[in-house]
Every structure is written in C-alpha cells, then in structure tokens.
Amino acid sequence: MRLVRLGALISVLMLGSACSATISGQATPRATPVDIATLNTGAIVTEPTDYELRFASFHAQRIRLIEGRRLLNILVHPIDFLPSVTKSSYTKIFADVDEMTGTGGLSPEFKDVVSANDLVVGVSATRTNGSIRNLESMFVGILEFGTVANAEAAAAAMYSIGVTRSDPRQPVMIPNYPGAHGSATNSNVNAFQSHGRFVIITAIQEEPRIDQNATTEKIKAALDKQIAALDTFQAIASDDLLDLPVDQDGMVRRTMDKSPAGDPYGMGFHNEDFGIFLPSGILHYERNALDTRKAFDKAGVDLIGRRYSTVYRTRDVEAAFALQTALARRGKDDTALDPPPGIADAQCVRLAEPDKNRNYNGFCVLVYDRYVAVVMSLTSQLSSTQLADPILQQRAAAQYVILTKSE
C-alpha cells in the first residue's frame, strides 16, 4: 500500500501544475490526492455543521448527559484488571433509570432504589472474552447522586437487594474496603462502593466457577484506580453544565450531522454519545482496547468528536495514517470492503458481528491531514460476495469533504 501511495505521489509530481486546478484534496507525503468534485456523496450534507444541543424532550436529563460524557473519560477499563476480556460489549451513558436498566445496563431490580436516591447521571461499560462456554466478563460503572447521603444509601440498598432475593448472594469482603458491600455466587462477585456523591459498581463473572479470592483482589485494584480518578474529577452542578464549551476546537463540527435523507442510525434523540471525548472515554467504545490505547498514545491523540461519525485528532499526518491502520485492523472473521471511489487511502471493513452500541457492521476509516474519521453503516443486505456498500461509500465520501472544509 505504501508503494502504491508513493507511485501515485510521483505521478502527481510529474504532471506538475497542469492538474492543480482539479485536485482539491490536501496532498501530504503519505496521502493520495483526492478530487472532491468527483466524489459521490449522495444526498448527505457535506458542509460542516455546528454542534448544537437539541432538546425535543427530557431537557434536564439531556443536560446531565454532558456530565455523563465527562464521567466516561475517567471510568476505569475492565481490560486493566481482567486481561481476557478483549471483546467490546455495551457502553452506556444515562441520566434516568429507564436508560440505566436498558440492554447492557444494570438490572431493573435497582430502579426504585436509584430513583429514590436522586440519580444525577451514570456511566457503565462491559467487556467479555467472547466465549459462550467459558464466559468471562467485567462490568464497571459510576453512579452520581445528589448528596453523599444518597450515595451511601443507594450502595447499601443495592447490596441488600442482591443478598435477599430468591437466589441470594453471599457477603464477601473486598480487601481494604470494609464498606464495599461485596457479595458473590459461584460464578460472580460484585461490589457497591460509595465515594462522596458517587457509587462505584464493579462486577466480575467467570463461568463455570470463579476464584473468589483472586476476584476480590481484582475488584480491590479496580476500586483503587477508580477512586483515584474520581478524586481528580471536578463535578459540575446541573445548572452550570450549559456554561461548558460544547465543542472544543470544533471537533464535533468535523463530524457528520443528520442529513435531509434522514437519521443514518435511527438514533432519534438517543444521542448520549454525541459530543467531545478524551481518548480514555472513547476507548470504551473501541473494539480492541489494549491495542487501540497504545495506538492513541503513539499517534498523540488528544481529542475526539463524535456524532454520526467519529473524528480523532492526532499529532500529524504520519500519526494519522498509523492510527488509521490500528482502527481498521480486521478480526479473524472480518472482511475488507471496497473504499469509496476516489479515496484510495480509505480502509473499509465489514464486521463479522454488529457493534453492540450502534448496530453497525460496516465502517470506513479516512485520513485527512492530522484527522482520522470513522464512518459507519447499519447492517446491510449485502451478500457475502459483495465488496462494496454504496451507502457506506457515500457517507465516507461526504465525511472526507466535511474534513476538507473544516479548517
């Protein structure tokens, strides 16, 4: 691929100024020039659109989701405590109990307790080893409540629900955390630790049987790291959240917004993951957490914007191409898709399994200058032999144009 890019660049140099009027993409030492006038973007908006908070309903909850996105940036990563859980699962940001207990969230049995104690916002993430027979998984979460007393009461009540239900759990001690409200079954250990106005939730499952002593040590390590992170977190009152900049450095403006053709993911106003993220926050949505975190560090990723696409800011164009390679890396059952015509450097992938959070199974990774964009497509009706997804190609082309106009 490097030789192809080099050959294309030499050809452009030989042509000289005769082609300068038609090439409108930005040429860099590693990028194949793109003529944006020839790209097929369909009906998708190709002008950068400002990021605006939209409140069709549930205004208070949607404002609190700003705090939730900030919390996700400091939520610990399961992979740091259970190295086997390399497969991504559900990541949630929620400001009410219905969203909290949706697919991939907390059990509905906790609804009344959380509501009664004035939930402000919460975040959670799960990762697994992908095995059905010998499942290993870890759930991590943070709930923010109105007061310290609310958090303490919620932690105690959530623990009580577990140890008194029809299939009761046995109390267990978490080393160095006598107030962690830990309990266990033969295959699961969990804990509810209050810390100021927050409740830290940690659960590890291993089938068919768990090593309880080893698992409580892992939960202790997770609590150590999560509490240290919370101690650096400056919570912001709900009334002040709208005073925060909504789009630092115009990163979300570089992403795709909803087009006249309609909402490309069927999200409606369930857009809790729209906004600005740090690398630690967006990592909860990524497929290969360990490798991707290393790629973020190596590429100097410092800020991410997310809307109907995700845009990462790297150190420079060389770092951007390195990150593209990492983000487009295929799993053993994934396959390559054709890039959009006219963007030779794009890398596109069809996933063997749809993403848990957005239900896409196709995506393209693009590079423009120091920016890397990931554009997704919903599960399509393509046959296994088809290598081109026209909808995905149009979205990728539109995203490229947006990046060229976002300077």
Protein backbone atom coordinates (compact mmCIF):
# COMPACT_ATOMS: atom_id res chain seq x y z
CA MET A 1 0.00 0.00 0.00
CA ARG A 2 2.90 2.34 0.78
CA LEU A 3 4.37 1.66 -2.68
CA VAL A 4 1.02 2.43 -4.29
CA ARG A 5 0.81 5.74 -2.42
CA LEU A 6 4.40 6.59 -3.36
CA GLY A 7 3.75 5.79 -7.03
CA ALA A 8 0.64 7.93 -7.04
CA LEU A 9 2.51 10.83 -5.48
CA ILE A 10 5.35 10.60 -8.08
CA SER A 11 2.77 10.63 -10.87
CA VAL A 12 1.19 13.77 -9.45
CA LEU A 13 4.57 15.49 -9.18
CA MET A 14 5.39 14.65 -12.81
CA LEU A 15 2.10 16.09 -14.00
CA GLY A 16 3.03 19.38 -12.33
CA SER A 17 0.76 22.37 -12.28
CA ALA A 18 -1.48 21.13 -15.11
CA CYS A 19 -3.58 19.17 -12.62
CA SER A 20 -3.58 21.73 -9.83
CA ALA A 21 -6.97 23.14 -10.79
CA THR A 22 -8.81 19.82 -10.41
CA ILE A 23 -7.21 18.33 -7.31
CA SER A 24 -8.99 19.79 -4.29
CA GLY A 25 -7.99 17.39 -1.53
CA GLN A 26 -4.93 18.09 0.59
CA ALA A 27 -1.82 16.23 -0.62
CA THR A 28 0.66 15.19 2.08
CA PRO A 29 3.76 12.98 2.00
CA ARG A 30 1.66 9.85 2.58
CA ALA A 31 -1.73 10.79 1.16
CA THR A 32 -3.06 10.11 -2.32
CA PRO A 33 -4.66 13.34 -3.61
CA VAL A 34 -8.45 13.40 -3.81
CA ASP A 35 -10.58 15.38 -6.24
CA ILE A 36 -13.59 16.14 -4.06
CA ALA A 37 -15.59 17.40 -7.07
CA THR A 38 -15.82 13.82 -8.35
CA LEU A 39 -16.87 12.16 -5.09
CA ASN A 40 -20.33 10.60 -4.85
CA THR A 41 -21.86 11.88 -1.61
CA GLY A 42 -25.50 11.19 -2.45
CA ALA A 43 -27.94 13.36 -0.50
CA ILE A 44 -25.66 13.68 2.51
CA VAL A 45 -24.80 17.17 3.74
CA THR A 46 -21.15 17.93 3.02
CA GLU A 47 -20.93 21.31 4.75
CA PRO A 48 -19.59 21.31 8.32
CA THR A 49 -22.47 21.89 10.75
CA ASP A 50 -22.11 23.42 14.19
CA TYR A 51 -22.80 21.13 17.10
CA GLU A 52 -25.92 22.19 18.95
CA LEU A 53 -27.61 20.56 21.91
CA ARG A 54 -31.10 19.56 20.82
CA PHE A 55 -33.83 19.13 23.39
CA ALA A 56 -37.01 17.77 21.87
CA SER A 57 -37.92 16.34 25.28
CA PHE A 58 -36.41 15.38 28.64
CA HIS A 59 -34.39 18.60 28.83
CA ALA A 60 -32.98 18.03 32.32
CA GLN A 61 -31.78 14.51 31.54
CA ARG A 62 -30.11 15.57 28.31
CA ILE A 63 -28.26 18.36 30.07
CA ARG A 64 -26.99 15.91 32.70
CA LEU A 65 -25.62 13.69 29.92
CA ILE A 66 -22.91 16.34 29.49
CA GLU A 67 -21.68 15.36 32.94
CA GLY A 68 -22.01 11.70 31.95
CA ARG A 69 -19.67 12.13 28.99
CA ARG A 70 -17.14 13.73 31.34
CA LEU A 71 -17.51 10.80 33.74
CA LEU A 72 -16.91 8.28 30.97
CA ASN A 73 -13.47 9.83 30.49
CA ILE A 74 -12.47 8.68 33.99
CA LEU A 75 -14.28 5.32 34.09
CA VAL A 76 -11.71 2.55 34.54
CA HIS A 77 -11.21 -0.05 31.83
CA PRO A 78 -12.03 -3.73 32.51
CA ILE A 79 -9.10 -4.84 30.37
CA ASP A 80 -6.72 -3.44 33.01
CA PHE A 81 -7.97 -5.90 35.63
CA LEU A 82 -9.16 -8.89 33.61
CA PRO A 83 -6.86 -9.23 30.58
CA SER A 84 -9.03 -11.91 28.98
CA VAL A 85 -11.95 -9.52 28.29
CA THR A 86 -10.76 -8.28 24.93
CA LYS A 87 -14.20 -8.23 23.26
CA SER A 88 -16.16 -4.98 23.43
CA SER A 89 -19.75 -5.03 24.64
CA TYR A 90 -22.12 -2.32 25.88
CA THR A 91 -21.10 1.18 26.94
CA LYS A 92 -23.83 3.36 28.44
CA ILE A 93 -24.26 6.98 29.49
CA PHE A 94 -27.60 7.56 31.22
CA ALA A 95 -29.49 10.17 33.22
CA ASP A 96 -32.60 8.22 34.17
CA VAL A 97 -33.37 4.72 35.40
CA ASP A 98 -35.01 3.56 32.18
CA GLU A 99 -31.82 4.15 30.23
CA MET A 100 -29.79 2.73 33.12
CA THR A 101 -31.62 -0.58 33.02
CA GLY A 102 -31.77 -0.89 29.22
CA THR A 103 -29.89 -3.57 27.31
CA GLY A 104 -26.36 -3.90 28.66
CA GLY A 105 -27.05 -1.82 31.78
CA LEU A 106 -27.98 -2.54 35.38
CA SER A 107 -30.72 -4.91 36.49
CA PRO A 108 -34.26 -3.44 36.60
CA GLU A 109 -34.47 -4.53 40.25
CA PHE A 110 -32.36 -1.47 41.13
CA LYS A 111 -34.76 1.06 39.57
CA ASP A 112 -36.66 2.05 42.71
CA VAL A 113 -33.53 2.42 44.82
CA VAL A 114 -31.75 4.60 42.29
CA SER A 115 -34.82 6.77 41.68
CA ALA A 116 -35.46 7.26 45.38
CA ASN A 117 -31.90 8.46 45.94
CA ASP A 118 -31.88 11.19 43.30
CA LEU A 119 -29.73 9.87 40.46
CA VAL A 120 -27.92 12.64 38.62
CA VAL A 121 -26.16 10.65 35.90
CA GLY A 122 -24.29 7.41 35.41
CA VAL A 123 -21.94 5.55 33.11
CA SER A 124 -21.13 1.87 32.66
CA ALA A 125 -19.12 -0.40 30.41
CA THR A 126 -18.86 -4.16 29.94
CA ARG A 127 -16.25 -6.29 28.20
CA THR A 128 -16.15 -10.06 27.74
CA ASN A 129 -13.83 -12.75 26.44
CA GLY A 130 -16.38 -13.62 23.75
CA SER A 131 -16.77 -17.22 24.92
CA ILE A 132 -20.14 -18.87 25.45
CA ARG A 133 -18.94 -21.99 27.24
CA ASN A 134 -16.30 -20.38 29.47
CA LEU A 135 -17.58 -16.83 29.75
CA GLU A 136 -15.51 -14.17 31.45
CA SER A 137 -16.81 -10.63 31.76
CA MET A 138 -16.33 -7.47 33.78
CA PHE A 139 -18.80 -4.66 34.38
CA VAL A 140 -17.70 -1.25 35.67
CA GLY A 141 -19.91 1.72 36.46
CA ILE A 142 -20.20 5.03 38.26
CA LEU A 143 -23.47 6.49 39.53
CA GLU A 144 -23.56 10.13 40.62
CA PHE A 145 -26.21 11.12 43.19
CA GLY A 146 -27.45 14.39 44.62
CA THR A 147 -25.79 14.07 48.01
CA VAL A 148 -23.26 11.95 49.90
CA ALA A 149 -26.10 10.50 51.99
CA ASN A 150 -27.97 9.49 48.83
CA ALA A 151 -24.92 7.67 47.50
CA GLU A 152 -24.33 5.81 50.76
CA ALA A 153 -27.98 4.80 50.98
CA ALA A 154 -28.07 3.65 47.36
CA ALA A 155 -24.94 1.50 47.72
CA ALA A 156 -26.29 -0.22 50.82
CA ALA A 157 -29.74 -0.77 49.31
CA MET A 158 -28.40 -2.19 46.03
CA TYR A 159 -26.30 -4.65 48.00
CA SER A 160 -29.32 -5.64 50.12
CA ILE A 161 -31.37 -6.41 47.04
CA GLY A 162 -28.75 -8.91 45.92
CA VAL A 163 -28.37 -10.77 49.19
CA THR A 164 -32.09 -11.05 49.93
CA ARG A 165 -33.59 -12.08 46.59
CA SER A 166 -34.78 -15.59 45.75
CA ASP A 167 -31.33 -16.69 44.54
CA PRO A 168 -29.36 -14.97 47.32
CA ARG A 169 -25.74 -13.97 47.12
CA GLN A 170 -23.26 -14.49 49.94
CA PRO A 171 -21.47 -11.50 51.50
CA VAL A 172 -17.76 -11.25 50.71
CA MET A 173 -15.08 -8.85 51.88
CA ILE A 174 -13.16 -6.74 49.40
CA PRO A 175 -9.59 -6.27 50.72
CA ASN A 176 -9.03 -2.79 52.22
CA TYR A 177 -12.66 -1.83 51.54
CA PRO A 178 -14.84 -2.85 54.51
CA GLY A 179 -17.69 -0.70 53.20
CA ALA A 180 -17.65 -2.02 49.64
CA HIS A 181 -20.86 -4.06 50.03
CA GLY A 182 -19.42 -7.08 48.25
CA SER A 183 -21.34 -10.28 47.50
CA ALA A 184 -20.81 -13.40 45.43
CA THR A 185 -22.24 -16.51 43.82
CA ASN A 186 -20.26 -19.44 42.48
CA SER A 187 -19.59 -17.56 39.25
CA ASN A 188 -19.85 -13.87 40.10
CA VAL A 189 -18.50 -11.28 42.53
CA ASN A 190 -19.77 -7.71 42.71
CA ALA A 191 -19.37 -4.65 44.93
CA PHE A 192 -21.10 -1.30 45.52
CA GLN A 193 -18.65 1.21 46.99
CA SER A 194 -19.81 4.73 47.82
CA HIS A 195 -17.28 7.53 47.49
CA GLY A 196 -18.57 11.02 48.14
CA ARG A 197 -21.64 11.54 45.95
CA PHE A 198 -20.70 8.58 43.77
CA VAL A 199 -21.31 4.84 43.83
CA ILE A 200 -18.71 2.68 42.12
CA ILE A 201 -20.11 -0.59 40.79
CA THR A 202 -17.79 -3.46 39.88
CA ALA A 203 -18.77 -6.99 38.87
CA ILE A 204 -16.71 -9.88 37.53
CA GLN A 205 -18.17 -13.10 36.16
CA GLU A 206 -16.31 -16.29 35.28
CA GLU A 207 -18.04 -19.47 34.11
CA PRO A 208 -18.36 -22.17 35.23
CA ARG A 209 -16.77 -21.18 38.57
CA ILE A 210 -14.98 -18.15 39.87
CA ASP A 211 -11.84 -17.93 42.03
CA GLN A 212 -13.34 -15.76 44.75
CA ASN A 213 -10.08 -14.72 46.43
CA ALA A 214 -8.40 -13.74 43.17
CA THR A 215 -11.52 -11.91 42.02
CA THR A 216 -11.88 -9.82 45.17
CA GLU A 217 -8.27 -8.71 44.67
CA LYS A 218 -9.12 -7.61 41.14
CA ILE A 219 -12.11 -5.67 42.42
CA LYS A 220 -9.88 -4.03 45.03
CA ALA A 221 -7.46 -2.97 42.28
CA ALA A 222 -10.34 -1.55 40.26
CA LEU A 223 -11.63 0.39 43.25
CA ASP A 224 -8.16 1.76 43.97
CA LYS A 225 -7.85 3.10 40.45
CA GLN A 226 -11.44 4.37 40.19
CA ILE A 227 -11.31 6.26 43.49
CA ALA A 228 -8.02 7.89 42.50
CA ALA A 229 -9.65 9.02 39.24
CA LEU A 230 -12.76 10.33 40.99
CA ASP A 231 -10.59 12.35 43.36
CA THR A 232 -9.31 14.30 40.35
CA PHE A 233 -12.80 14.79 38.88
CA GLN A 234 -14.48 18.16 39.34
CA ALA A 235 -18.21 17.52 39.38
CA ILE A 236 -20.29 20.34 37.90
CA ALA A 237 -23.76 21.27 39.10
CA SER A 238 -26.52 20.63 36.57
CA ASP A 239 -27.38 24.34 36.42
CA ASP A 240 -23.80 25.10 35.30
CA LEU A 241 -23.32 22.36 32.69
CA LEU A 242 -24.57 24.52 29.82
CA ASP A 243 -21.79 27.01 30.61
CA LEU A 244 -19.22 24.46 29.41
CA PRO A 245 -17.92 24.72 25.85
CA VAL A 246 -19.97 22.22 23.84
CA ASP A 247 -17.45 21.75 21.04
CA GLN A 248 -13.83 22.25 21.98
CA ASP A 249 -11.69 23.24 18.97
CA GLY A 250 -14.57 22.48 16.62
CA MET A 251 -14.01 18.72 16.82
CA VAL A 252 -17.69 17.78 16.70
CA ARG A 253 -18.18 20.24 13.83
CA ARG A 254 -15.84 17.98 11.84
CA THR A 255 -18.19 15.01 12.25
CA MET A 256 -21.29 14.16 10.23
CA ASP A 257 -24.66 15.52 11.32
CA LYS A 258 -28.08 14.20 10.35
CA SER A 259 -28.79 14.71 6.64
CA PRO A 260 -32.01 15.53 4.77
CA ALA A 261 -32.09 11.87 3.77
CA GLY A 262 -32.77 11.02 7.40
CA ASP A 263 -31.12 9.81 10.56
CA PRO A 264 -28.46 7.35 9.35
CA TYR A 265 -28.54 5.27 12.53
CA GLY A 266 -32.14 5.56 13.67
CA MET A 267 -30.98 7.25 16.89
CA GLY A 268 -33.59 9.96 17.14
CA PHE A 269 -32.70 11.84 20.31
CA HIS A 270 -30.93 8.90 21.93
CA ASN A 271 -27.61 10.56 21.26
CA GLU A 272 -25.94 10.32 24.64
CA ASP A 273 -22.60 9.64 22.94
CA PHE A 274 -22.64 12.82 20.83
CA GLY A 275 -20.01 15.32 21.93
CA ILE A 276 -16.38 15.65 22.95
CA PHE A 277 -14.34 12.80 24.46
CA LEU A 278 -10.83 12.25 25.68
CA PRO A 279 -9.03 9.13 24.44
CA SER A 280 -9.79 7.34 27.73
CA GLY A 281 -13.51 7.92 27.25
CA ILE A 282 -13.85 6.95 23.61
CA LEU A 283 -11.77 3.84 24.29
CA HIS A 284 -14.81 2.27 25.97
CA TYR A 285 -16.46 2.12 22.52
CA GLU A 286 -13.46 0.68 20.68
CA ARG A 287 -13.10 -2.95 19.60
CA ASN A 288 -9.50 -3.66 20.64
CA ALA A 289 -8.97 -1.69 23.82
CA LEU A 290 -5.34 -2.55 24.61
CA ASP A 291 -4.01 -2.18 21.06
CA THR A 292 -6.12 0.91 20.41
CA ARG A 293 -4.93 2.63 23.59
CA LYS A 294 -1.33 2.02 22.52
CA ALA A 295 -2.18 3.40 19.08
CA PHE A 296 -3.77 6.50 20.67
CA ASP A 297 -0.65 7.12 22.74
CA LYS A 298 1.71 6.57 19.81
CA ALA A 299 -0.31 8.83 17.50
CA GLY A 300 -0.67 11.59 20.09
CA VAL A 301 -4.48 11.51 20.04
CA ASP A 302 -5.67 14.27 22.37
CA LEU A 303 -9.32 14.95 21.47
CA ILE A 304 -12.22 13.16 19.79
CA GLY A 305 -15.50 14.48 18.39
CA ARG A 306 -18.45 12.12 17.95
CA ARG A 307 -21.80 12.48 16.25
CA TYR A 308 -22.94 10.32 13.32
CA SER A 309 -19.24 9.69 12.74
CA THR A 310 -16.18 9.86 15.00
CA VAL A 311 -13.18 12.11 14.34
CA TYR A 312 -9.84 11.72 16.14
CA ARG A 313 -7.16 14.42 16.27
CA THR A 314 -3.61 13.08 16.09
CA ARG A 315 -0.15 14.64 16.27
CA ASP A 316 0.42 14.92 12.50
CA VAL A 317 -0.40 13.20 9.21
CA GLU A 318 2.10 10.38 9.74
CA ALA A 319 0.50 9.64 13.11
CA ALA A 320 -2.94 9.80 11.48
CA PHE A 321 -2.05 7.05 8.99
CA ALA A 322 -0.67 4.89 11.81
CA LEU A 323 -3.91 5.33 13.76
CA GLN A 324 -5.95 4.52 10.65
CA THR A 325 -4.16 1.19 10.37
CA ALA A 326 -4.91 0.38 14.01
CA LEU A 327 -8.60 1.33 13.84
CA ALA A 328 -9.15 -0.61 10.60
CA ARG A 329 -7.43 -3.77 11.80
CA ARG A 330 -9.66 -6.74 11.00
CA GLY A 331 -10.56 -9.57 13.33
CA LYS A 332 -10.23 -13.15 12.12
CA ASP A 333 -13.79 -13.27 10.78
CA ASP A 334 -13.99 -9.68 9.47
CA THR A 335 -13.58 -8.91 5.77
CA ALA A 336 -12.41 -5.95 3.69
CA LEU A 337 -14.84 -3.72 1.81
CA ASP A 338 -14.05 -1.52 -1.19
CA PRO A 339 -13.17 2.09 -0.36
CA PRO A 340 -15.31 4.86 -1.83
CA PRO A 341 -14.32 5.64 -5.43
CA GLY A 342 -11.84 8.50 -5.48
CA ILE A 343 -10.47 7.98 -1.94
CA ALA A 344 -7.77 5.37 -2.44
CA ASP A 345 -6.38 5.67 1.08
CA ALA A 346 -9.66 4.80 2.82
CA GLN A 347 -9.77 1.47 4.62
CA CYS A 348 -13.18 -0.18 4.95
CA VAL A 349 -14.22 -3.25 6.92
CA ARG A 350 -17.27 -5.50 7.25
CA LEU A 351 -17.55 -6.85 10.80
CA ALA A 352 -18.48 -10.44 11.48
CA GLU A 353 -20.74 -9.23 14.31
CA PRO A 354 -22.53 -5.87 14.54
CA ASP A 355 -21.32 -3.30 17.06
CA LYS A 356 -23.28 -3.59 20.31
CA ASN A 357 -23.87 0.12 20.80
CA ARG A 358 -24.73 1.38 17.31
CA ASN A 359 -25.55 -1.87 15.50
CA TYR A 360 -23.31 -1.12 12.51
CA ASN A 361 -21.43 -3.89 10.74
CA GLY A 362 -19.55 -1.85 8.16
CA PHE A 363 -17.19 1.09 8.59
CA CYS A 364 -14.56 3.11 6.76
CA VAL A 365 -11.53 4.83 8.25
CA LEU A 366 -10.36 8.01 6.48
CA VAL A 367 -7.35 10.28 6.89
CA TYR A 368 -7.27 13.99 6.15
CA ASP A 369 -4.25 15.91 7.40
CA ARG A 370 -3.90 15.12 11.14
CA TYR A 371 -7.51 13.92 11.46
CA VAL A 372 -8.82 10.36 11.30
CA ALA A 373 -12.54 9.77 10.77
CA VAL A 374 -14.56 6.59 11.25
CA VAL A 375 -17.85 6.40 9.34
CA MET A 376 -20.30 3.57 9.96
CA SER A 377 -23.11 1.81 8.13
CA LEU A 378 -26.02 -0.12 9.59
CA THR A 379 -26.26 -3.84 8.99
CA SER A 380 -26.91 -4.03 5.26
CA GLN A 381 -28.38 -6.62 2.96
CA LEU A 382 -25.13 -7.17 1.11
CA SER A 383 -24.37 -10.75 0.18
CA SER A 384 -21.16 -12.26 1.45
CA THR A 385 -19.62 -11.87 -2.00
CA GLN A 386 -20.39 -8.16 -2.39
CA LEU A 387 -17.39 -5.97 -1.60
CA ALA A 388 -18.95 -2.53 -1.99
CA ASP A 389 -21.55 -0.93 0.26
CA PRO A 390 -22.86 2.10 -1.69
CA ILE A 391 -24.40 3.76 1.37
CA LEU A 392 -21.20 3.44 3.37
CA GLN A 393 -19.17 4.74 0.44
CA GLN A 394 -21.38 7.84 0.12
CA ARG A 395 -21.10 8.55 3.84
CA ALA A 396 -17.33 8.13 3.74
CA ALA A 397 -17.06 10.47 0.77
CA ALA A 398 -19.26 13.07 2.49
CA GLN A 399 -17.15 12.83 5.63
CA TYR A 400 -13.98 13.43 3.64
CA VAL A 401 -15.48 16.57 2.10
CA ILE A 402 -16.55 17.81 5.54
CA LEU A 403 -12.98 17.45 6.78
CA THR A 404 -11.61 19.43 3.85
CA LYS A 405 -13.98 22.28 4.66
CA SER A 406 -13.49 22.31 8.43
CA GLU A 407 -10.24 24.24 8.67
